[in-house]
Amino acid sequence: MMMLSWSRRAACLEQDPELFFPISVEGPSRSQVEQAKTVCGRCPVRQPCLEYALDTRQAHGVWGGTDPEQRRELSSAGGPRRGSVPAPQLRSGR
């Protein structure tokens, strides 16, 4: 598998990949999504990761600090402007 040059600097490289691919974004998996977004929040390559996910239409997982629903919203809104990654949306417990 070819690594993209930016991915070699990703904060997620030292994490369990399954953290970024929870079963869902609701219920018990919500804390897993929040943990993944926290890792993304400190990542130096968050913007290219998000752009990659949008360009390749990644339908699953946390990419660039976004979950699938957030990426669908970004895609329908025309995507993020370069250098303008949305802040991670951490949901509080209900």
PDB file of N, CA and C in Angstrom:
ATOM      1  N   MET A   1       0.840  -1.184   0.000  1.00  0.00           N
ATOM      2  CA  MET A   1       0.000   0.000   0.000  1.00  0.00           C
ATOM      3  C   MET A   1       0.884   1.246   0.000  1.00  0.00           C
ATOM      4  N   MET A   2       0.660   2.143  -0.926  1.00  0.00           N
ATOM      5  CA  MET A   2       1.450   3.357  -1.022  1.00  0.00           C
ATOM      6  C   MET A   2       1.004   4.375   0.027  1.00  0.00           C
ATOM      7  N   MET A   3       1.951   4.902   0.795  1.00  0.00           N
ATOM      8  CA  MET A   3       1.637   5.946   1.764  1.00  0.00           C
ATOM      9  C   MET A   3       1.750   7.290   1.074  1.00  0.00           C
ATOM     10  N   LEU A   4       0.795   8.138   1.317  1.00  0.00           N
ATOM     11  CA  LEU A   4       0.870   9.500   0.815  1.00  0.00           C
ATOM     12  C   LEU A   4       1.903  10.241   1.655  1.00  0.00           C
ATOM     13  N   SER A   5       2.633  11.163   1.063  1.00  0.00           N
ATOM     14  CA  SER A   5       3.728  11.830   1.769  1.00  0.00           C
ATOM     15  C   SER A   5       3.270  12.490   3.066  1.00  0.00           C
ATOM     16  N   TRP A   6       2.123  13.121   3.070  1.00  0.00           N
ATOM     17  CA  TRP A   6       1.653  13.785   4.288  1.00  0.00           C
ATOM     18  C   TRP A   6       1.314  12.783   5.387  1.00  0.00           C
ATOM     19  N   SER A   7       0.901  11.573   4.990  1.00  0.00           N
ATOM     20  CA  SER A   7       0.454  10.597   5.989  1.00  0.00           C
ATOM     21  C   SER A   7       1.589  10.101   6.884  1.00  0.00           C
ATOM     22  N   ARG A   8       2.808  10.273   6.447  1.00  0.00           N
ATOM     23  CA  ARG A   8       3.955   9.851   7.277  1.00  0.00           C
ATOM     24  C   ARG A   8       4.125  10.720   8.526  1.00  0.00           C
ATOM     25  N   ARG A   9       3.477  11.884   8.531  1.00  0.00           N
ATOM     26  CA  ARG A   9       3.573  12.804   9.672  1.00  0.00           C
ATOM     27  C   ARG A   9       2.289  12.818  10.504  1.00  0.00           C
ATOM     28  N   ALA A  10       1.372  11.925  10.204  1.00  0.00           N
ATOM     29  CA  ALA A  10       0.069  11.911  10.862  1.00  0.00           C
ATOM     30  C   ALA A  10       0.168  11.470  12.324  1.00  0.00           C
ATOM     31  N   ALA A  11      -0.598  12.134  13.169  1.00  0.00           N
ATOM     32  CA  ALA A  11      -0.632  11.811  14.597  1.00  0.00           C
ATOM     33  C   ALA A  11      -1.217  10.421  14.843  1.00  0.00           C
ATOM     34  N   CYS A  12      -1.991   9.906  13.908  1.00  0.00           N
ATOM     35  CA  CYS A  12      -2.643   8.613  14.096  1.00  0.00           C
ATOM     36  C   CYS A  12      -1.725   7.421  13.848  1.00  0.00           C
ATOM     37  N   LEU A  13      -0.545   7.644  13.327  1.00  0.00           N
ATOM     38  CA  LEU A  13       0.342   6.527  13.011  1.00  0.00           C
ATOM     39  C   LEU A  13       0.677   5.667  14.219  1.00  0.00           C
ATOM     40  N   GLU A  14       0.711   6.282  15.379  1.00  0.00           N
ATOM     41  CA  GLU A  14       1.064   5.530  16.588  1.00  0.00           C
ATOM     42  C   GLU A  14      -0.166   5.049  17.347  1.00  0.00           C
ATOM     43  N   GLN A  15      -1.334   5.147  16.724  1.00  0.00           N
ATOM     44  CA  GLN A  15      -2.588   4.731  17.355  1.00  0.00           C
ATOM     45  C   GLN A  15      -3.085   3.442  16.704  1.00  0.00           C
ATOM     46  N   ASP A  16      -3.972   2.763  17.401  1.00  0.00           N
ATOM     47  CA  ASP A  16      -4.627   1.587  16.839  1.00  0.00           C
ATOM     48  C   ASP A  16      -5.551   2.064  15.721  1.00  0.00           C
ATOM     49  N   PRO A  17      -5.380   1.588  14.501  1.00  0.00           N
ATOM     50  CA  PRO A  17      -6.226   2.044  13.387  1.00  0.00           C
ATOM     51  C   PRO A  17      -7.718   1.849  13.642  1.00  0.00           C
ATOM     52  N   GLU A  18      -8.075   0.858  14.437  1.00  0.00           N
ATOM     53  CA  GLU A  18      -9.487   0.610  14.714  1.00  0.00           C
ATOM     54  C   GLU A  18     -10.138   1.762  15.470  1.00  0.00           C
ATOM     55  N   LEU A  19      -9.331   2.566  16.178  1.00  0.00           N
ATOM     56  CA  LEU A  19      -9.876   3.731  16.877  1.00  0.00           C
ATOM     57  C   LEU A  19     -10.584   4.647  15.892  1.00  0.00           C
ATOM     58  N   PHE A  20     -10.080   4.752  14.672  1.00  0.00           N
ATOM     59  CA  PHE A  20     -10.598   5.683  13.677  1.00  0.00           C
ATOM     60  C   PHE A  20     -11.720   5.098  12.828  1.00  0.00           C
ATOM     61  N   PHE A  21     -12.076   3.842  13.085  1.00  0.00           N
ATOM     62  CA  PHE A  21     -13.135   3.184  12.337  1.00  0.00           C
ATOM     63  C   PHE A  21     -14.100   2.484  13.286  1.00  0.00           C
ATOM     64  N   PRO A  22     -14.822   3.264  14.110  1.00  0.00           N
ATOM     65  CA  PRO A  22     -15.780   2.658  15.038  1.00  0.00           C
ATOM     66  C   PRO A  22     -16.957   2.052  14.280  1.00  0.00           C
ATOM     67  N   ILE A  23     -17.693   1.206  14.961  1.00  0.00           N
ATOM     68  CA  ILE A  23     -18.854   0.553  14.364  1.00  0.00           C
ATOM     69  C   ILE A  23     -19.913   1.583  13.964  1.00  0.00           C
ATOM     70  N   SER A  24     -20.074   2.625  14.768  1.00  0.00           N
ATOM     71  CA  SER A  24     -21.015   3.704  14.448  1.00  0.00           C
ATOM     72  C   SER A  24     -20.485   4.984  15.083  1.00  0.00           C
ATOM     73  N   VAL A  25     -21.193   6.091  14.896  1.00  0.00           N
ATOM     74  CA  VAL A  25     -20.787   7.339  15.551  1.00  0.00           C
ATOM     75  C   VAL A  25     -21.724   7.665  16.714  1.00  0.00           C
ATOM     76  N   GLU A  26     -22.649   6.763  17.002  1.00  0.00           N
ATOM     77  CA  GLU A  26     -23.620   6.945  18.073  1.00  0.00           C
ATOM     78  C   GLU A  26     -23.435   5.880  19.150  1.00  0.00           C
ATOM     79  N   GLY A  27     -24.170   6.026  20.226  1.00  0.00           N
ATOM     80  CA  GLY A  27     -24.156   5.058  21.308  1.00  0.00           C
ATOM     81  C   GLY A  27     -22.775   4.894  21.919  1.00  0.00           C
ATOM     82  N   PRO A  28     -22.415   3.662  22.297  1.00  0.00           N
ATOM     83  CA  PRO A  28     -21.127   3.416  22.949  1.00  0.00           C
ATOM     84  C   PRO A  28     -19.929   3.814  22.086  1.00  0.00           C
ATOM     85  N   SER A  29     -20.096   3.811  20.782  1.00  0.00           N
ATOM     86  CA  SER A  29     -18.985   4.167  19.891  1.00  0.00           C
ATOM     87  C   SER A  29     -18.686   5.665  19.902  1.00  0.00           C
ATOM     88  N   ARG A  30     -19.592   6.457  20.439  1.00  0.00           N
ATOM     89  CA  ARG A  30     -19.405   7.908  20.456  1.00  0.00           C
ATOM     90  C   ARG A  30     -18.089   8.302  21.137  1.00  0.00           C
ATOM     91  N   SER A  31     -17.742   7.632  22.247  1.00  0.00           N
ATOM     92  CA  SER A  31     -16.493   7.976  22.940  1.00  0.00           C
ATOM     93  C   SER A  31     -15.284   7.626  22.080  1.00  0.00           C
ATOM     94  N   GLN A  32     -15.389   6.571  21.286  1.00  0.00           N
ATOM     95  CA  GLN A  32     -14.299   6.207  20.371  1.00  0.00           C
ATOM     96  C   GLN A  32     -14.122   7.287  19.309  1.00  0.00           C
ATOM     97  N   VAL A  33     -15.216   7.796  18.771  1.00  0.00           N
ATOM     98  CA  VAL A  33     -15.161   8.877  17.778  1.00  0.00           C
ATOM     99  C   VAL A  33     -14.517  10.110  18.410  1.00  0.00           C
ATOM    100  N   GLU A  34     -14.912  10.436  19.624  1.00  0.00           N
ATOM    101  CA  GLU A  34     -14.353  11.601  20.312  1.00  0.00           C
ATOM    102  C   GLU A  34     -12.853  11.440  20.549  1.00  0.00           C
ATOM    103  N   GLN A  35     -12.421  10.219  20.918  1.00  0.00           N
ATOM    104  CA  GLN A  35     -10.994   9.961  21.105  1.00  0.00           C
ATOM    105  C   GLN A  35     -10.238  10.133  19.796  1.00  0.00           C
ATOM    106  N   ALA A  36     -10.793   9.623  18.711  1.00  0.00           N
ATOM    107  CA  ALA A  36     -10.145   9.753  17.404  1.00  0.00           C
ATOM    108  C   ALA A  36     -10.043  11.222  17.009  1.00  0.00           C
ATOM    109  N   LYS A  37     -11.103  11.989  17.224  1.00  0.00           N
ATOM    110  CA  LYS A  37     -11.091  13.412  16.889  1.00  0.00           C
ATOM    111  C   LYS A  37     -10.093  14.184  17.748  1.00  0.00           C
ATOM    112  N   THR A  38      -9.881  13.737  18.968  1.00  0.00           N
ATOM    113  CA  THR A  38      -8.874  14.364  19.829  1.00  0.00           C
ATOM    114  C   THR A  38      -7.485  14.174  19.238  1.00  0.00           C
ATOM    115  N   VAL A  39      -7.199  12.970  18.756  1.00  0.00           N
ATOM    116  CA  VAL A  39      -5.913  12.706  18.088  1.00  0.00           C
ATOM    117  C   VAL A  39      -5.791  13.616  16.870  1.00  0.00           C
ATOM    118  N   CYS A  40      -6.851  13.702  16.081  1.00  0.00           N
ATOM    119  CA  CYS A  40      -6.835  14.562  14.888  1.00  0.00           C
ATOM    120  C   CYS A  40      -6.617  16.025  15.258  1.00  0.00           C
ATOM    121  N   GLY A  41      -7.134  16.426  16.394  1.00  0.00           N
ATOM    122  CA  GLY A  41      -7.020  17.816  16.815  1.00  0.00           C
ATOM    123  C   GLY A  41      -5.588  18.277  17.015  1.00  0.00           C
ATOM    124  N   ARG A  42      -4.693  17.345  17.274  1.00  0.00           N
ATOM    125  CA  ARG A  42      -3.284  17.713  17.469  1.00  0.00           C
ATOM    126  C   ARG A  42      -2.405  17.281  16.286  1.00  0.00           C
ATOM    127  N   CYS A  43      -3.046  16.902  15.197  1.00  0.00           N
ATOM    128  CA  CYS A  43      -2.321  16.377  14.046  1.00  0.00           C
ATOM    129  C   CYS A  43      -1.837  17.489  13.121  1.00  0.00           C
ATOM    130  N   PRO A  44      -0.557  17.442  12.716  1.00  0.00           N
ATOM    131  CA  PRO A  44      -0.017  18.483  11.837  1.00  0.00           C
ATOM    132  C   PRO A  44      -0.481  18.357  10.383  1.00  0.00           C
ATOM    133  N   VAL A  45      -1.111  17.245  10.027  1.00  0.00           N
ATOM    134  CA  VAL A  45      -1.533  17.057   8.634  1.00  0.00           C
ATOM    135  C   VAL A  45      -3.049  16.853   8.542  1.00  0.00           C
ATOM    136  N   ARG A  46      -3.760  17.493   9.425  1.00  0.00           N
ATOM    137  CA  ARG A  46      -5.209  17.345   9.464  1.00  0.00           C
ATOM    138  C   ARG A  46      -5.873  17.819   8.167  1.00  0.00           C
ATOM    139  N   GLN A  47      -5.439  18.932   7.641  1.00  0.00           N
ATOM    140  CA  GLN A  47      -6.037  19.482   6.414  1.00  0.00           C
ATOM    141  C   GLN A  47      -5.858  18.542   5.211  1.00  0.00           C
ATOM    142  N   PRO A  48      -4.629  18.082   4.912  1.00  0.00           N
ATOM    143  CA  PRO A  48      -4.514  17.173   3.766  1.00  0.00           C
ATOM    144  C   PRO A  48      -5.252  15.853   3.987  1.00  0.00           C
ATOM    145  N   CYS A  49      -5.359  15.415   5.217  1.00  0.00           N
ATOM    146  CA  CYS A  49      -6.110  14.194   5.521  1.00  0.00           C
ATOM    147  C   CYS A  49      -7.584  14.400   5.180  1.00  0.00           C
ATOM    148  N   LEU A  50      -8.133  15.519   5.602  1.00  0.00           N
ATOM    149  CA  LEU A  50      -9.532  15.811   5.299  1.00  0.00           C
ATOM    150  C   LEU A  50      -9.743  15.967   3.795  1.00  0.00           C
ATOM    151  N   GLU A  51      -8.841  16.656   3.130  1.00  0.00           N
ATOM    152  CA  GLU A  51      -8.965  16.825   1.683  1.00  0.00           C
ATOM    153  C   GLU A  51      -8.917  15.470   0.968  1.00  0.00           C
ATOM    154  N   TYR A  52      -8.040  14.592   1.427  1.00  0.00           N
ATOM    155  CA  TYR A  52      -7.957  13.245   0.860  1.00  0.00           C
ATOM    156  C   TYR A  52      -9.284  12.509   1.051  1.00  0.00           C
ATOM    157  N   ALA A  53      -9.823  12.584   2.266  1.00  0.00           N
ATOM    158  CA  ALA A  53     -11.083  11.891   2.554  1.00  0.00           C
ATOM    159  C   ALA A  53     -12.218  12.417   1.687  1.00  0.00           C
ATOM    160  N   LEU A  54     -12.255  13.725   1.486  1.00  0.00           N
ATOM    161  CA  LEU A  54     -13.300  14.301   0.641  1.00  0.00           C
ATOM    162  C   LEU A  54     -13.083  13.950  -0.826  1.00  0.00           C
ATOM    163  N   ASP A  55     -11.840  14.042  -1.279  1.00  0.00           N
ATOM    164  CA  ASP A  55     -11.526  13.735  -2.685  1.00  0.00           C
ATOM    165  C   ASP A  55     -11.814  12.287  -3.038  1.00  0.00           C
ATOM    166  N   THR A  56     -11.583  11.380  -2.088  1.00  0.00           N
ATOM    167  CA  THR A  56     -11.765   9.952  -2.348  1.00  0.00           C
ATOM    168  C   THR A  56     -13.090   9.427  -1.792  1.00  0.00           C
ATOM    169  N   ARG A  57     -13.906  10.339  -1.294  1.00  0.00           N
ATOM    170  CA  ARG A  57     -15.250  10.021  -0.784  1.00  0.00           C
ATOM    171  C   ARG A  57     -15.236   8.918   0.270  1.00  0.00           C
ATOM    172  N   GLN A  58     -14.382   9.089   1.266  1.00  0.00           N
ATOM    173  CA  GLN A  58     -14.322   8.114   2.350  1.00  0.00           C
ATOM    174  C   GLN A  58     -15.637   8.147   3.128  1.00  0.00           C
ATOM    175  N   ALA A  59     -16.367   7.055   3.102  1.00  0.00           N
ATOM    176  CA  ALA A  59     -17.690   6.992   3.720  1.00  0.00           C
ATOM    177  C   ALA A  59     -17.652   6.504   5.164  1.00  0.00           C
ATOM    178  N   HIS A  60     -16.509   6.026   5.616  1.00  0.00           N
ATOM    179  CA  HIS A  60     -16.412   5.463   6.958  1.00  0.00           C
ATOM    180  C   HIS A  60     -15.198   6.036   7.670  1.00  0.00           C
ATOM    181  N   GLY A  61     -15.281   6.057   8.982  1.00  0.00           N
ATOM    182  CA  GLY A  61     -14.131   6.440   9.791  1.00  0.00           C
ATOM    183  C   GLY A  61     -14.003   7.926  10.049  1.00  0.00           C
ATOM    184  N   VAL A  62     -13.027   8.226  10.892  1.00  0.00           N
ATOM    185  CA  VAL A  62     -12.688   9.609  11.239  1.00  0.00           C
ATOM    186  C   VAL A  62     -11.473   9.997  10.414  1.00  0.00           C
ATOM    187  N   TRP A  63     -11.611  11.043   9.629  1.00  0.00           N
ATOM    188  CA  TRP A  63     -10.544  11.548   8.759  1.00  0.00           C
ATOM    189  C   TRP A  63     -10.453  13.051   8.952  1.00  0.00           C
ATOM    190  N   GLY A  64      -9.266  13.558   9.191  1.00  0.00           N
ATOM    191  CA  GLY A  64      -9.102  15.005   9.320  1.00  0.00           C
ATOM    192  C   GLY A  64      -9.972  15.612  10.397  1.00  0.00           C
ATOM    193  N   GLY A  65     -10.270  14.845  11.421  1.00  0.00           N
ATOM    194  CA  GLY A  65     -11.076  15.341  12.535  1.00  0.00           C
ATOM    195  C   GLY A  65     -12.567  15.376  12.260  1.00  0.00           C
ATOM    196  N   THR A  66     -13.014  14.701  11.219  1.00  0.00           N
ATOM    197  CA  THR A  66     -14.434  14.696  10.882  1.00  0.00           C
ATOM    198  C   THR A  66     -14.974  13.275  10.821  1.00  0.00           C
ATOM    199  N   ASP A  67     -16.241  13.157  11.143  1.00  0.00           N
ATOM    200  CA  ASP A  67     -16.912  11.864  10.999  1.00  0.00           C
ATOM    201  C   ASP A  67     -17.639  11.849   9.653  1.00  0.00           C
ATOM    202  N   PRO A  68     -18.188  10.705   9.249  1.00  0.00           N
ATOM    203  CA  PRO A  68     -18.826  10.620   7.930  1.00  0.00           C
ATOM    204  C   PRO A  68     -19.928  11.661   7.703  1.00  0.00           C
ATOM    205  N   GLU A  69     -20.733  11.917   8.719  1.00  0.00           N
ATOM    206  CA  GLU A  69     -21.816  12.902   8.568  1.00  0.00           C
ATOM    207  C   GLU A  69     -21.243  14.303   8.310  1.00  0.00           C
ATOM    208  N   GLN A  70     -20.208  14.661   9.034  1.00  0.00           N
ATOM    209  CA  GLN A  70     -19.584  15.973   8.822  1.00  0.00           C
ATOM    210  C   GLN A  70     -19.001  16.079   7.419  1.00  0.00           C
ATOM    211  N   ARG A  71     -18.402  14.999   6.925  1.00  0.00           N
ATOM    212  CA  ARG A  71     -17.843  15.034   5.565  1.00  0.00           C
ATOM    213  C   ARG A  71     -18.942  15.137   4.521  1.00  0.00           C
ATOM    214  N   ARG A  72     -20.076  14.471   4.750  1.00  0.00           N
ATOM    215  CA  ARG A  72     -21.202  14.609   3.815  1.00  0.00           C
ATOM    216  C   ARG A  72     -21.667  16.062   3.770  1.00  0.00           C
ATOM    217  N   GLU A  73     -21.744  16.705   4.932  1.00  0.00           N
ATOM    218  CA  GLU A  73     -22.146  18.116   4.986  1.00  0.00           C
ATOM    219  C   GLU A  73     -21.135  19.001   4.261  1.00  0.00           C
ATOM    220  N   LEU A  74     -19.853  18.738   4.475  1.00  0.00           N
ATOM    221  CA  LEU A  74     -18.819  19.521   3.797  1.00  0.00           C
ATOM    222  C   LEU A  74     -18.883  19.320   2.285  1.00  0.00           C
ATOM    223  N   SER A  75     -19.109  18.093   1.855  1.00  0.00           N
ATOM    224  CA  SER A  75     -19.185  17.803   0.421  1.00  0.00           C
ATOM    225  C   SER A  75     -20.369  18.523  -0.215  1.00  0.00           C
ATOM    226  N   SER A  76     -21.503  18.499   0.459  1.00  0.00           N
ATOM    227  CA  SER A  76     -22.689  19.151  -0.104  1.00  0.00           C
ATOM    228  C   SER A  76     -22.559  20.672  -0.075  1.00  0.00           C
ATOM    229  N   ALA A  77     -21.716  21.177   0.814  1.00  0.00           N
ATOM    230  CA  ALA A  77     -21.497  22.628   0.904  1.00  0.00           C
ATOM    231  C   ALA A  77     -20.334  23.074   0.024  1.00  0.00           C
ATOM    232  N   GLY A  78     -19.761  22.150  -0.731  1.00  0.00           N
ATOM    233  CA  GLY A  78     -18.653  22.505  -1.613  1.00  0.00           C
ATOM    234  C   GLY A  78     -17.292  22.216  -1.031  1.00  0.00           C
ATOM    235  N   GLY A  79     -17.229  21.592   0.147  1.00  0.00           N
ATOM    236  CA  GLY A  79     -15.946  21.218   0.746  1.00  0.00           C
ATOM    237  C   GLY A  79     -15.264  22.357   1.472  1.00  0.00           C
ATOM    238  N   PRO A  80     -14.233  22.031   2.235  1.00  0.00           N
ATOM    239  CA  PRO A  80     -13.531  23.053   3.005  1.00  0.00           C
ATOM    240  C   PRO A  80     -12.605  23.868   2.114  1.00  0.00           C
ATOM    241  N   ARG A  81     -12.468  25.127   2.446  1.00  0.00           N
ATOM    242  CA  ARG A  81     -11.471  25.935   1.745  1.00  0.00           C
ATOM    243  C   ARG A  81     -10.112  25.532   2.269  1.00  0.00           C
ATOM    244  N   ARG A  82      -9.114  25.564   1.421  1.00  0.00           N
ATOM    245  CA  ARG A  82      -7.760  25.187   1.813  1.00  0.00           C
ATOM    246  C   ARG A  82      -7.356  25.948   3.059  1.00  0.00           C
ATOM    247  N   GLY A  83      -6.845  25.200   4.057  1.00  0.00           N
ATOM    248  CA  GLY A  83      -6.397  25.826   5.302  1.00  0.00           C
ATOM    249  C   GLY A  83      -7.508  26.094   6.291  1.00  0.00           C
ATOM    250  N   SER A  84      -8.704  25.583   6.029  1.00  0.00           N
ATOM    251  CA  SER A  84      -9.821  25.879   6.929  1.00  0.00           C
ATOM    252  C   SER A  84     -10.514  24.611   7.409  1.00  0.00           C
ATOM    253  N   VAL A  85      -9.772  23.770   8.089  1.00  0.00           N
ATOM    254  CA  VAL A  85     -10.335  22.538   8.627  1.00  0.00           C
ATOM    255  C   VAL A  85     -11.288  22.899   9.754  1.00  0.00           C
ATOM    256  N   PRO A  86     -12.484  22.317   9.760  1.00  0.00           N
ATOM    257  CA  PRO A  86     -13.408  22.606  10.853  1.00  0.00           C
ATOM    258  C   PRO A  86     -12.871  22.079  12.177  1.00  0.00           C
ATOM    259  N   ALA A  87     -13.218  22.764  13.251  1.00  0.00           N
ATOM    260  CA  ALA A  87     -12.802  22.324  14.580  1.00  0.00           C
ATOM    261  C   ALA A  87     -13.459  20.987  14.880  1.00  0.00           C
ATOM    262  N   PRO A  88     -12.775  20.108  15.630  1.00  0.00           N
ATOM    263  CA  PRO A  88     -13.397  18.828  15.969  1.00  0.00           C
ATOM    264  C   PRO A  88     -14.673  19.059  16.741  1.00  0.00           C
ATOM    265  N   GLN A  89     -15.706  18.342  16.395  1.00  0.00           N
ATOM    266  CA  GLN A  89     -16.992  18.448  17.083  1.00  0.00           C
ATOM    267  C   GLN A  89     -17.081  17.331  18.105  1.00  0.00           C
ATOM    268  N   LEU A  90     -16.760  17.637  19.333  1.00  0.00           N
ATOM    269  CA  LEU A  90     -16.844  16.645  20.392  1.00  0.00           C
ATOM    270  C   LEU A  90     -18.231  16.760  21.014  1.00  0.00           C
ATOM    271  N   ARG A  91     -18.944  15.677  21.019  1.00  0.00           N
ATOM    272  CA  ARG A  91     -20.293  15.696  21.548  1.00  0.00           C
ATOM    273  C   ARG A  91     -20.270  15.329  23.020  1.00  0.00           C
ATOM    274  N   SER A  92     -21.002  16.074  23.794  1.00  0.00           N
ATOM    275  CA  SER A  92     -21.080  15.767  25.225  1.00  0.00           C
ATOM    276  C   SER A  92     -22.064  14.636  25.431  1.00  0.00           C
ATOM    277  N   GLY A  93     -21.870  13.894  26.502  1.00  0.00           N
ATOM    278  CA  GLY A  93     -22.770  12.782  26.799  1.00  0.00           C
ATOM    279  C   GLY A  93     -24.149  13.292  27.118  1.00  0.00           C
ATOM    280  N   ARG A  94     -25.149  12.502  26.793  1.00  0.00           N
ATOM    281  CA  ARG A  94     -26.542  12.924  27.041  1.00  0.00           C
ATOM    282  C   ARG A  94     -27.117  12.161  28.187  1.00  0.00           C
TER     283      ARG A  94
END
